[in-house]
Amino acid sequence: MSMAHPAALPAGRDTAWPVALAVLALGLLALGWTFAEEAVAAVHVWESSTAFNHCWLVLPVAGWLAWQRRDRLAGLQPQPMPLAALAALVAGIGWLLAERLGIMEGRQLTAMAIVECFIIAVLGWRVGKAMAAPLLYLFFLVPFGAFLVPLLQHVTAWFIVSGLQVLGIPYYHDAFIIEIPAGTFLVAEACAGLRFIIAALAFGALYAFVMFRSPWRRLVVMLLAVLVPVVANGMRALGIVLLGHYLGSAEAAATDHLVYGWIFFSAVILLLVVAGLPFREDVASLPGTPAAAPHPVRRTAVLASAVLCAAAALAGPAVAVTIDQAGAAPPRIIHAVLAADGCQPEGTALRCGEDLIEARLLVFSPRTTWAGVTAERYRLTGNHDEDAIFSVKAGDADWQVRRDNEATRTVAAAAWLDGAAAGDGLRTRLRQALNSLRGAHGSPVLAVVTWQHASAGQRPSLQGRFQAQLAELAQRASDLSQQE
């Protein structure tokens, strides 16, 4: 009777993988249930934002990368790594901080980091290193980067204005509104170029993993994936304005500009791919990683490492649940009927001719996080990336005004915290995070004024006719935000 060589059948190999994969599957299900809110929020962004539609392809691409690297698992077996629980604990603390600050992207990134730590804890560092590319690519499941939109809008507007100055074309520039003799152009959120940058990053990472081996070359690819789309988007926006100038019509130039933008972006990416081909390293074979001397893997070790990592990771969510149960409640809604000449009250709204105006004050619990305030703001105002956005000064606040793409609905919103107007920045989020822990120091208040237009294209006179009413509403919101 012939016997297999010990290196061919390492001790414990017949049971190590099935047990480890079973524990891994159960653990990932538990983590998925724990972080279901983060997953649902991510899927909602994939569906609603054109900047993140490509996220539906991330899992198939990661699976393909794993399949391409399956030979790297030859000779390896799961080696539980309990020390990964320390990294999971750090990620869990980061999740708690992001949750208190109301930053969903932070919660999603740390949740994904926890998942990666759990995989390493169960399968071991060597397996994680062999599958580093697909594991890292999973971070593209997180719809991250929306906070860059205002900055990118400014960069795009700068490209347009600089180009008009060089070419000597007369223009008027007010933030994101650019007027030339041929008409008016708005640098909307959709024109900021975020969709191009995020898509380029995802493609650049795939290109770097497949075509290059050197970390430095991969880094250069990722830097180009950020810089080139920013410059290309600025040139695209300038080209649309110049087209309007030469056609004599801004509307004609803006027709289907997003479709043309994708065509232009695809051409730029294709040029980058061609430019990188001479430096490719995918053909070169890497020396195989010598397999570690096999030794038995106990089932109890796999289970203990998984439990330890899961317990460390779930500490943050457990603390958050405890805080929420201490008194967080849904916001209290107060309908404020505005007054204006030529308008009549109609229920809780104001009828001005065929237009309908409604004002609401939402008073939140001191225990809430700022995420609750922003979630209600987006629910009531909308968050479409092709909406026109401008601001109106009334009272102590800069009201953010959002007009939908059909120009049939305009919504103005502003928030207050501890008696002062508050934005969505880190300082506001940190102050409310501390308030939520103490359950005191006032209540966040959100004021929302909705204007339904009878005819499309009408721009409400918020800064003139209703500025005094907005100032009164702001004062009332400020007073409410100081009440315990």
Protein backbone atom coordinates (compact mmCIF):
# COMPACT_ATOMS: atom_id res chain seq x y z
CA MET A 1 0.00 0.00 0.00
CA SER A 2 1.42 3.38 -1.01
CA MET A 3 1.28 6.30 1.39
CA ALA A 4 0.98 9.97 0.46
CA HIS A 5 3.92 12.22 1.12
CA PRO A 6 3.41 14.28 4.32
CA ALA A 7 3.84 17.51 2.36
CA ALA A 8 0.99 16.53 0.03
CA LEU A 9 -1.47 15.85 2.83
CA PRO A 10 -0.57 18.14 5.73
CA ALA A 11 -1.90 17.25 9.08
CA GLY A 12 -5.30 18.76 9.71
CA ARG A 13 -5.76 19.87 6.08
CA ASP A 14 -8.71 17.56 5.57
CA THR A 15 -10.73 19.39 8.23
CA ALA A 16 -9.12 22.84 8.56
CA TRP A 17 -10.64 24.46 5.47
CA PRO A 18 -14.22 23.19 5.88
CA VAL A 19 -14.34 24.22 9.54
CA ALA A 20 -12.71 27.60 8.89
CA LEU A 21 -15.02 28.38 5.99
CA ALA A 22 -18.09 27.37 8.02
CA VAL A 23 -17.03 29.61 10.91
CA LEU A 24 -16.22 32.40 8.44
CA ALA A 25 -19.65 32.16 6.79
CA LEU A 26 -21.50 32.24 10.13
CA GLY A 27 -19.39 35.15 11.36
CA LEU A 28 -19.94 37.18 8.19
CA LEU A 29 -23.69 36.60 8.49
CA ALA A 30 -23.59 37.88 12.06
CA LEU A 31 -21.56 40.94 11.03
CA GLY A 32 -23.93 41.54 8.12
CA TRP A 33 -26.89 41.55 10.50
CA THR A 34 -25.08 43.89 12.90
CA PHE A 35 -24.11 46.37 10.20
CA ALA A 36 -27.26 46.00 8.10
CA GLU A 37 -27.99 49.74 8.33
CA GLU A 38 -24.62 50.54 6.77
CA ALA A 39 -25.19 48.00 3.99
CA VAL A 40 -28.71 49.26 3.21
CA ALA A 41 -27.48 52.87 3.14
CA ALA A 42 -24.70 51.89 0.73
CA VAL A 43 -27.08 50.08 -1.63
CA HIS A 44 -29.42 53.09 -1.58
CA VAL A 45 -26.54 55.34 -2.68
CA TRP A 46 -25.59 52.88 -5.44
CA GLU A 47 -29.11 53.10 -6.79
CA SER A 48 -29.73 56.83 -6.36
CA SER A 49 -26.35 58.41 -7.20
CA THR A 50 -24.84 58.16 -10.66
CA ALA A 51 -21.41 58.64 -9.07
CA PHE A 52 -21.64 55.20 -7.45
CA ASN A 53 -23.61 53.07 -9.93
CA HIS A 54 -20.38 51.18 -10.66
CA CYS A 55 -20.41 49.76 -7.11
CA TRP A 56 -22.70 47.00 -8.35
CA LEU A 57 -19.67 45.64 -10.24
CA VAL A 58 -17.30 45.63 -7.26
CA LEU A 59 -18.28 42.20 -5.89
CA PRO A 60 -18.02 40.46 -9.30
CA VAL A 61 -14.65 42.14 -9.93
CA ALA A 62 -13.36 41.15 -6.48
CA GLY A 63 -14.54 37.59 -7.11
CA TRP A 64 -12.69 37.56 -10.45
CA LEU A 65 -9.51 38.85 -8.79
CA ALA A 66 -9.78 36.10 -6.17
CA TRP A 67 -10.28 33.45 -8.87
CA GLN A 68 -7.24 34.72 -10.76
CA ARG A 69 -5.17 34.28 -7.58
CA ARG A 70 -6.55 30.92 -6.47
CA ASP A 71 -3.22 29.19 -7.18
CA ARG A 72 -1.65 31.28 -4.40
CA LEU A 73 -3.63 29.25 -1.87
CA ALA A 74 -1.87 26.05 -2.89
CA GLY A 75 -0.01 24.65 0.11
CA LEU A 76 -1.71 27.08 2.51
CA GLN A 77 -4.16 26.22 5.22
CA PRO A 78 -6.08 28.40 7.67
CA GLN A 79 -4.00 29.55 10.61
CA PRO A 80 -6.22 31.49 13.06
CA MET A 81 -4.77 34.84 14.11
CA PRO A 82 -6.29 36.02 17.43
CA LEU A 83 -4.19 39.23 17.33
CA ALA A 84 -6.48 40.44 14.55
CA ALA A 85 -8.99 41.11 17.35
CA LEU A 86 -6.89 44.12 18.38
CA ALA A 87 -7.28 45.64 14.92
CA ALA A 88 -10.99 44.83 15.03
CA LEU A 89 -11.26 46.60 18.38
CA VAL A 90 -9.63 49.72 16.94
CA ALA A 91 -12.01 49.56 13.95
CA GLY A 92 -14.95 49.14 16.34
CA ILE A 93 -13.91 52.25 18.28
CA GLY A 94 -13.61 54.08 14.97
CA TRP A 95 -17.12 52.93 14.06
CA LEU A 96 -18.45 54.28 17.36
CA LEU A 97 -16.76 57.63 16.76
CA ALA A 98 -18.20 57.83 13.23
CA GLU A 99 -21.64 56.85 14.54
CA ARG A 100 -21.61 59.58 17.20
CA LEU A 101 -20.36 62.11 14.64
CA GLY A 102 -23.09 61.06 12.23
CA ILE A 103 -20.72 60.18 9.37
CA MET A 104 -22.21 57.24 7.47
CA GLU A 105 -19.17 56.87 5.19
CA GLY A 106 -17.01 56.47 8.30
CA ARG A 107 -19.34 53.83 9.67
CA GLN A 108 -19.25 51.94 6.38
CA LEU A 109 -15.46 52.11 6.05
CA THR A 110 -14.90 50.89 9.61
CA ALA A 111 -17.52 48.16 9.16
CA MET A 112 -15.66 46.95 6.08
CA ALA A 113 -12.39 47.07 8.04
CA ILE A 114 -14.02 44.91 10.73
CA VAL A 115 -15.05 42.37 8.08
CA GLU A 116 -11.48 42.25 6.78
CA CYS A 117 -10.11 41.81 10.31
CA PHE A 118 -12.53 38.93 10.89
CA ILE A 119 -11.38 37.20 7.71
CA ILE A 120 -7.75 37.49 8.81
CA ALA A 121 -8.64 36.30 12.33
CA VAL A 122 -10.21 33.11 10.97
CA LEU A 123 -8.01 32.31 7.94
CA GLY A 124 -4.72 33.84 9.00
CA TRP A 125 -2.27 36.41 7.71
CA ARG A 126 -0.78 34.26 4.94
CA VAL A 127 -4.16 33.62 3.34
CA GLY A 128 -5.02 37.31 3.72
CA LYS A 129 -1.76 38.31 2.03
CA ALA A 130 -2.38 35.89 -0.84
CA MET A 131 -5.85 37.41 -1.36
CA ALA A 132 -4.85 41.02 -0.60
CA ALA A 133 -6.00 42.40 -3.96
CA PRO A 134 -9.63 41.18 -3.84
CA LEU A 135 -9.92 41.97 -0.12
CA LEU A 136 -8.71 45.54 -0.60
CA TYR A 137 -10.91 45.98 -3.67
CA LEU A 138 -13.96 45.36 -1.47
CA PHE A 139 -13.48 48.83 0.04
CA PHE A 140 -14.88 50.22 -3.22
CA LEU A 141 -18.25 48.93 -2.01
CA VAL A 142 -18.29 51.99 0.28
CA PRO A 143 -19.77 55.06 -1.48
CA PHE A 144 -17.07 57.39 -0.21
CA GLY A 145 -16.16 60.88 -1.37
CA ALA A 146 -19.43 62.85 -1.49
CA PHE A 147 -17.93 65.42 0.91
CA LEU A 148 -15.53 66.42 -1.90
CA VAL A 149 -18.33 67.67 -4.17
CA PRO A 150 -18.25 71.36 -3.06
CA LEU A 151 -14.46 71.47 -3.48
CA LEU A 152 -14.70 69.84 -6.90
CA GLN A 153 -17.39 72.31 -7.92
CA HIS A 154 -15.02 75.17 -7.05
CA VAL A 155 -12.21 73.51 -9.03
CA THR A 156 -14.47 73.03 -12.06
CA ALA A 157 -15.68 76.65 -11.87
CA TRP A 158 -12.04 77.78 -11.64
CA PHE A 159 -11.19 75.90 -14.85
CA ILE A 160 -14.10 77.55 -16.65
CA VAL A 161 -13.35 81.07 -15.41
CA SER A 162 -9.62 80.71 -16.12
CA GLY A 163 -10.34 79.54 -19.65
CA LEU A 164 -12.73 82.41 -20.29
CA GLN A 165 -10.14 84.89 -19.00
CA VAL A 166 -7.43 83.50 -21.27
CA LEU A 167 -9.71 83.56 -24.30
CA GLY A 168 -11.01 87.03 -23.52
CA ILE A 169 -14.69 86.01 -23.41
CA PRO A 170 -16.78 88.34 -21.19
CA TYR A 171 -18.39 86.61 -18.23
CA TYR A 172 -19.98 87.11 -14.81
CA HIS A 173 -19.02 84.71 -12.05
CA ASP A 174 -20.97 84.14 -8.83
CA ALA A 175 -19.88 80.98 -6.98
CA PHE A 176 -21.16 78.15 -9.21
CA ILE A 177 -23.16 80.37 -11.57
CA ILE A 178 -21.30 81.55 -14.70
CA GLU A 179 -22.97 83.90 -17.17
CA ILE A 180 -21.71 84.69 -20.67
CA PRO A 181 -23.51 86.56 -23.48
CA ALA A 182 -24.82 83.23 -24.79
CA GLY A 183 -26.56 82.35 -21.50
CA THR A 184 -26.10 81.08 -17.97
CA PHE A 185 -24.27 77.92 -16.89
CA LEU A 186 -24.56 76.27 -13.48
CA VAL A 187 -21.80 74.08 -12.08
CA ALA A 188 -24.18 71.62 -10.42
CA GLU A 189 -23.13 68.71 -8.23
CA ALA A 190 -23.34 66.41 -11.25
CA CYS A 191 -20.79 68.64 -13.02
CA ALA A 192 -18.26 68.46 -10.18
CA GLY A 193 -16.62 65.35 -11.63
CA LEU A 194 -17.00 63.08 -8.58
CA ARG A 195 -18.55 60.35 -10.69
CA PHE A 196 -15.54 60.44 -13.02
CA ILE A 197 -13.02 60.37 -10.15
CA ILE A 198 -14.67 57.49 -8.27
CA ALA A 199 -15.09 55.42 -11.42
CA ALA A 200 -11.49 56.16 -12.42
CA LEU A 201 -10.23 55.10 -8.99
CA ALA A 202 -12.10 51.80 -9.17
CA PHE A 203 -10.84 51.14 -12.68
CA GLY A 204 -7.33 52.35 -11.78
CA ALA A 205 -7.14 49.95 -8.84
CA LEU A 206 -8.20 47.04 -11.06
CA TYR A 207 -5.69 48.08 -13.73
CA ALA A 208 -2.93 48.39 -11.12
CA PHE A 209 -3.65 44.97 -9.58
CA VAL A 210 -3.80 43.19 -12.93
CA MET A 211 -1.09 44.94 -14.93
CA PHE A 212 1.59 45.89 -12.40
CA ARG A 213 3.57 44.25 -9.60
CA SER A 214 5.70 47.11 -8.30
CA PRO A 215 4.07 49.04 -5.43
CA TRP A 216 5.48 52.28 -6.83
CA ARG A 217 3.97 51.75 -10.26
CA ARG A 218 0.65 50.91 -8.68
CA LEU A 219 0.85 54.10 -6.61
CA VAL A 220 1.54 56.16 -9.76
CA VAL A 221 -1.51 54.60 -11.43
CA MET A 222 -3.74 55.54 -8.46
CA LEU A 223 -2.41 59.11 -8.37
CA LEU A 224 -3.10 59.50 -12.08
CA ALA A 225 -6.58 58.03 -11.51
CA VAL A 226 -7.27 61.00 -9.21
CA LEU A 227 -5.52 63.85 -10.99
CA VAL A 228 -6.39 63.12 -14.62
CA PRO A 229 -10.21 62.98 -14.11
CA VAL A 230 -10.12 66.30 -12.20
CA VAL A 231 -8.26 68.04 -15.03
CA ALA A 232 -10.30 66.27 -17.71
CA ASN A 233 -13.58 67.26 -16.05
CA GLY A 234 -12.46 70.90 -15.85
CA MET A 235 -11.58 70.87 -19.54
CA ARG A 236 -14.89 69.17 -20.35
CA ALA A 237 -16.85 71.85 -18.48
CA LEU A 238 -14.88 74.61 -20.18
CA GLY A 239 -15.54 72.99 -23.55
CA ILE A 240 -19.31 73.02 -22.91
CA VAL A 241 -19.23 76.73 -22.05
CA LEU A 242 -17.14 77.48 -25.14
CA LEU A 243 -19.54 75.47 -27.27
CA GLY A 244 -22.39 77.58 -25.91
CA HIS A 245 -20.42 80.72 -26.71
CA TYR A 246 -19.82 79.72 -30.33
CA LEU A 247 -23.34 78.34 -30.82
CA GLY A 248 -24.84 81.41 -29.19
CA SER A 249 -27.02 79.29 -26.88
CA ALA A 250 -26.20 77.91 -23.44
CA GLU A 251 -29.21 75.57 -23.59
CA ALA A 252 -28.06 73.99 -26.85
CA ALA A 253 -24.55 73.39 -25.50
CA ALA A 254 -25.85 71.85 -22.24
CA THR A 255 -28.10 69.35 -24.02
CA ASP A 256 -26.94 65.82 -23.18
CA HIS A 257 -23.71 67.25 -21.75
CA LEU A 258 -23.48 64.40 -19.22
CA VAL A 259 -23.64 61.80 -22.00
CA TYR A 260 -20.92 63.61 -23.91
CA GLY A 261 -18.99 63.85 -20.65
CA TRP A 262 -18.94 60.08 -20.27
CA ILE A 263 -17.76 59.69 -23.86
CA PHE A 264 -14.98 62.19 -23.21
CA PHE A 265 -14.09 60.48 -19.91
CA SER A 266 -13.98 57.05 -21.59
CA ALA A 267 -11.59 58.39 -24.20
CA VAL A 268 -9.32 59.81 -21.48
CA ILE A 269 -9.27 56.50 -19.59
CA LEU A 270 -8.50 54.64 -22.81
CA LEU A 271 -5.52 56.92 -23.42
CA LEU A 272 -4.27 56.24 -19.88
CA VAL A 273 -4.56 52.50 -20.45
CA VAL A 274 -2.61 52.71 -23.70
CA ALA A 275 0.03 54.90 -22.05
CA GLY A 276 0.51 52.34 -19.29
CA LEU A 277 0.84 49.28 -21.52
CA PRO A 278 4.60 49.68 -22.20
CA PHE A 279 5.25 49.52 -18.46
CA ARG A 280 3.09 46.48 -17.74
CA GLU A 281 4.43 43.76 -15.47
CA ASP A 282 1.61 41.24 -15.63
CA VAL A 283 3.58 38.85 -17.85
CA ALA A 284 6.48 38.60 -15.44
CA SER A 285 6.09 35.67 -13.10
CA LEU A 286 6.69 36.18 -9.46
CA PRO A 287 8.56 33.60 -7.40
CA GLY A 288 6.11 31.44 -5.53
CA THR A 289 5.68 32.07 -1.85
CA PRO A 290 7.12 29.12 0.00
CA ALA A 291 4.44 27.37 1.99
CA ALA A 292 4.89 27.27 5.71
CA ALA A 293 5.58 23.96 7.31
CA PRO A 294 2.09 22.47 7.75
CA HIS A 295 0.91 21.70 11.22
CA PRO A 296 -2.48 20.74 12.61
CA VAL A 297 -5.14 23.38 13.02
CA ARG A 298 -7.54 22.78 15.88
CA ARG A 299 -11.20 23.57 15.42
CA THR A 300 -11.32 25.19 18.83
CA ALA A 301 -8.54 27.59 17.79
CA VAL A 302 -10.52 28.69 14.73
CA LEU A 303 -13.68 29.17 16.77
CA ALA A 304 -11.89 30.97 19.62
CA SER A 305 -10.16 33.40 17.24
CA ALA A 306 -13.47 34.16 15.50
CA VAL A 307 -15.34 34.74 18.76
CA LEU A 308 -12.58 36.96 20.17
CA CYS A 309 -12.49 39.09 17.00
CA ALA A 310 -16.28 39.38 16.81
CA ALA A 311 -16.53 40.38 20.48
CA ALA A 312 -13.91 43.10 20.03
CA ALA A 313 -15.59 44.40 16.86
CA LEU A 314 -19.09 44.50 18.33
CA ALA A 315 -18.13 46.51 21.41
CA GLY A 316 -18.68 49.80 19.56
CA PRO A 317 -22.19 48.98 18.26
CA ALA A 318 -23.15 47.70 21.73
CA VAL A 319 -22.18 51.03 23.29
CA ALA A 320 -24.13 52.92 20.60
CA VAL A 321 -27.27 50.86 21.26
CA THR A 322 -26.95 51.52 24.99
CA ILE A 323 -26.71 55.28 24.39
CA ASP A 324 -29.68 55.30 22.01
CA GLN A 325 -31.84 53.43 24.48
CA ALA A 326 -31.11 56.14 27.03
CA GLY A 327 -33.48 58.58 25.42
CA ALA A 328 -33.17 59.22 21.67
CA ALA A 329 -36.58 59.93 20.13
CA PRO A 330 -38.05 60.95 16.74
CA PRO A 331 -38.04 64.68 16.01
CA ARG A 332 -40.97 66.85 17.06
CA ILE A 333 -42.51 68.64 14.06
CA ILE A 334 -43.84 72.19 14.38
CA HIS A 335 -45.71 73.71 11.43
CA ALA A 336 -45.00 77.41 11.06
CA VAL A 337 -47.39 79.29 8.76
CA LEU A 338 -45.62 82.18 7.05
CA ALA A 339 -47.35 85.50 6.30
CA ALA A 340 -47.03 87.58 3.12
CA ASP A 341 -49.05 90.13 1.20
CA GLY A 342 -51.27 88.58 -1.42
CA CYS A 343 -51.09 85.12 0.20
CA GLN A 344 -53.66 83.22 2.26
CA PRO A 345 -53.19 80.45 4.85
CA GLU A 346 -54.27 77.03 3.64
CA GLY A 347 -54.10 74.51 6.45
CA THR A 348 -50.50 74.38 7.63
CA ALA A 349 -49.26 75.95 4.37
CA LEU A 350 -49.49 79.31 2.61
CA ARG A 351 -51.23 79.73 -0.73
CA CYS A 352 -49.69 82.43 -2.97
CA GLY A 353 -51.66 82.40 -6.20
CA GLU A 354 -51.14 78.91 -7.60
CA ASP A 355 -47.99 78.31 -5.55
CA LEU A 356 -47.96 76.56 -2.19
CA ILE A 357 -45.43 77.30 0.56
CA GLU A 358 -44.96 75.16 3.67
CA ALA A 359 -42.60 75.80 6.61
CA ARG A 360 -41.65 73.22 9.24
CA LEU A 361 -39.44 73.17 12.30
CA LEU A 362 -38.06 69.80 13.37
CA VAL A 363 -36.88 69.69 16.99
CA PHE A 364 -34.61 66.72 17.73
CA SER A 365 -33.78 64.98 20.97
CA PRO A 366 -30.47 66.01 22.61
CA ARG A 367 -29.56 62.30 22.41
CA THR A 368 -29.68 62.19 18.62
CA THR A 369 -26.57 62.32 16.49
CA TRP A 370 -26.12 64.79 13.64
CA ALA A 371 -26.76 61.92 11.25
CA GLY A 372 -30.43 62.10 12.24
CA VAL A 373 -30.52 65.80 11.33
CA THR A 374 -28.88 65.31 7.92
CA ALA A 375 -31.07 62.27 7.18
CA GLU A 376 -34.22 64.35 7.74
CA ARG A 377 -32.76 67.20 5.70
CA TYR A 378 -32.12 64.91 2.72
CA ARG A 379 -35.54 63.28 3.10
CA LEU A 380 -37.32 66.64 3.00
CA THR A 381 -35.13 68.52 0.52
CA GLY A 382 -33.94 65.73 -1.76
CA ASN A 383 -30.34 65.07 -2.75
CA HIS A 384 -30.25 64.74 -6.53
CA ASP A 385 -26.86 65.61 -8.00
CA GLU A 386 -28.41 67.58 -10.89
CA ASP A 387 -30.36 69.98 -8.65
CA ALA A 388 -29.49 73.68 -8.68
CA ILE A 389 -28.08 74.83 -5.33
CA PHE A 390 -27.62 78.36 -4.02
CA SER A 391 -27.74 80.07 -0.64
CA VAL A 392 -29.83 82.84 0.91
CA LYS A 393 -28.84 84.88 3.97
CA ALA A 394 -31.74 85.34 6.41
CA GLY A 395 -31.45 85.85 10.15
CA ASP A 396 -28.26 84.36 11.51
CA ALA A 397 -28.16 81.53 8.99
CA ASP A 398 -27.13 80.86 5.42
CA TRP A 399 -30.08 78.88 4.10
CA GLN A 400 -29.19 76.22 1.55
CA VAL A 401 -31.71 76.40 -1.28
CA ARG A 402 -32.18 73.44 -3.60
CA ARG A 403 -34.27 73.64 -6.79
CA ASP A 404 -35.04 70.39 -8.60
CA ASN A 405 -34.01 69.78 -12.18
CA GLU A 406 -37.54 70.45 -13.49
CA ALA A 407 -37.68 73.74 -11.52
CA THR A 408 -41.09 72.85 -10.06
CA ARG A 409 -39.99 72.57 -6.43
CA THR A 410 -37.65 74.66 -4.32
CA VAL A 411 -36.63 73.82 -0.76
CA ALA A 412 -34.70 76.04 1.66
CA ALA A 413 -33.18 74.48 4.79
CA ALA A 414 -31.02 75.56 7.72
CA ALA A 415 -30.09 74.03 11.08
CA TRP A 416 -29.37 75.35 14.58
CA LEU A 417 -27.53 73.90 17.54
CA ASP A 418 -27.23 75.41 21.03
CA GLY A 419 -28.77 78.69 19.87
CA ALA A 420 -26.50 79.23 16.84
CA ALA A 421 -26.78 78.42 13.15
CA ALA A 422 -24.97 75.16 12.37
CA GLY A 423 -23.64 73.56 9.21
CA ASP A 424 -22.77 69.94 8.53
CA GLY A 425 -19.06 70.30 9.33
CA LEU A 426 -16.96 68.30 11.74
CA ARG A 427 -17.20 70.91 14.52
CA THR A 428 -21.01 70.72 14.55
CA ARG A 429 -20.95 66.94 14.48
CA LEU A 430 -18.47 66.79 17.35
CA ARG A 431 -20.53 69.19 19.48
CA GLN A 432 -23.69 67.14 18.95
CA ALA A 433 -21.78 63.91 19.58
CA LEU A 434 -20.84 65.25 23.02
CA ASN A 435 -24.42 66.41 23.57
CA SER A 436 -25.72 62.95 22.71
CA LEU A 437 -23.44 61.38 25.30
CA ARG A 438 -24.55 63.83 28.01
CA GLY A 439 -28.18 64.12 26.90
CA ALA A 440 -28.15 67.87 27.50
CA HIS A 441 -27.06 71.30 26.18
CA GLY A 442 -30.00 71.94 23.88
CA SER A 443 -31.69 70.24 20.95
CA PRO A 444 -30.79 70.38 17.24
CA VAL A 445 -33.44 72.18 15.18
CA LEU A 446 -33.94 71.93 11.43
CA ALA A 447 -36.03 74.52 9.55
CA VAL A 448 -37.35 73.54 6.11
CA VAL A 449 -39.37 75.76 3.76
CA THR A 450 -40.87 74.03 0.71
CA TRP A 451 -42.14 76.01 -2.29
CA GLN A 452 -44.23 74.11 -4.85
CA HIS A 453 -44.31 76.04 -8.15
CA ALA A 454 -47.33 76.10 -10.40
CA SER A 455 -45.14 76.66 -13.44
CA ALA A 456 -41.68 75.29 -14.19
CA GLY A 457 -38.73 77.62 -14.34
CA GLN A 458 -39.94 80.01 -11.65
CA ARG A 459 -37.34 81.10 -9.11
CA PRO A 460 -38.86 82.07 -5.72
CA SER A 461 -38.07 85.48 -4.25
CA LEU A 462 -36.73 84.05 -1.02
CA GLN A 463 -34.10 86.73 -0.65
CA GLY A 464 -36.54 89.58 -1.23
CA ARG A 465 -40.18 89.02 -0.53
CA PHE A 466 -39.78 86.28 2.10
CA GLN A 467 -36.44 87.21 3.65
CA ALA A 468 -38.09 88.79 6.71
CA GLN A 469 -40.24 85.68 7.25
CA LEU A 470 -37.17 83.45 7.02
CA ALA A 471 -35.39 85.65 9.56
CA GLU A 472 -38.33 85.27 11.99
CA LEU A 473 -38.32 81.52 11.43
CA ALA A 474 -34.57 81.47 12.08
CA GLN A 475 -35.02 83.28 15.39
CA ARG A 476 -37.70 80.83 16.48
CA ALA A 477 -35.49 77.88 15.54
CA SER A 478 -32.58 79.41 17.45
CA ASP A 479 -34.72 79.74 20.60
CA LEU A 480 -35.99 76.17 20.32
CA SER A 481 -32.44 74.82 19.96
CA GLN A 482 -31.56 76.15 23.43
CA GLN A 483 -34.38 74.33 25.19
CA GLU A 484 -33.61 71.12 27.02
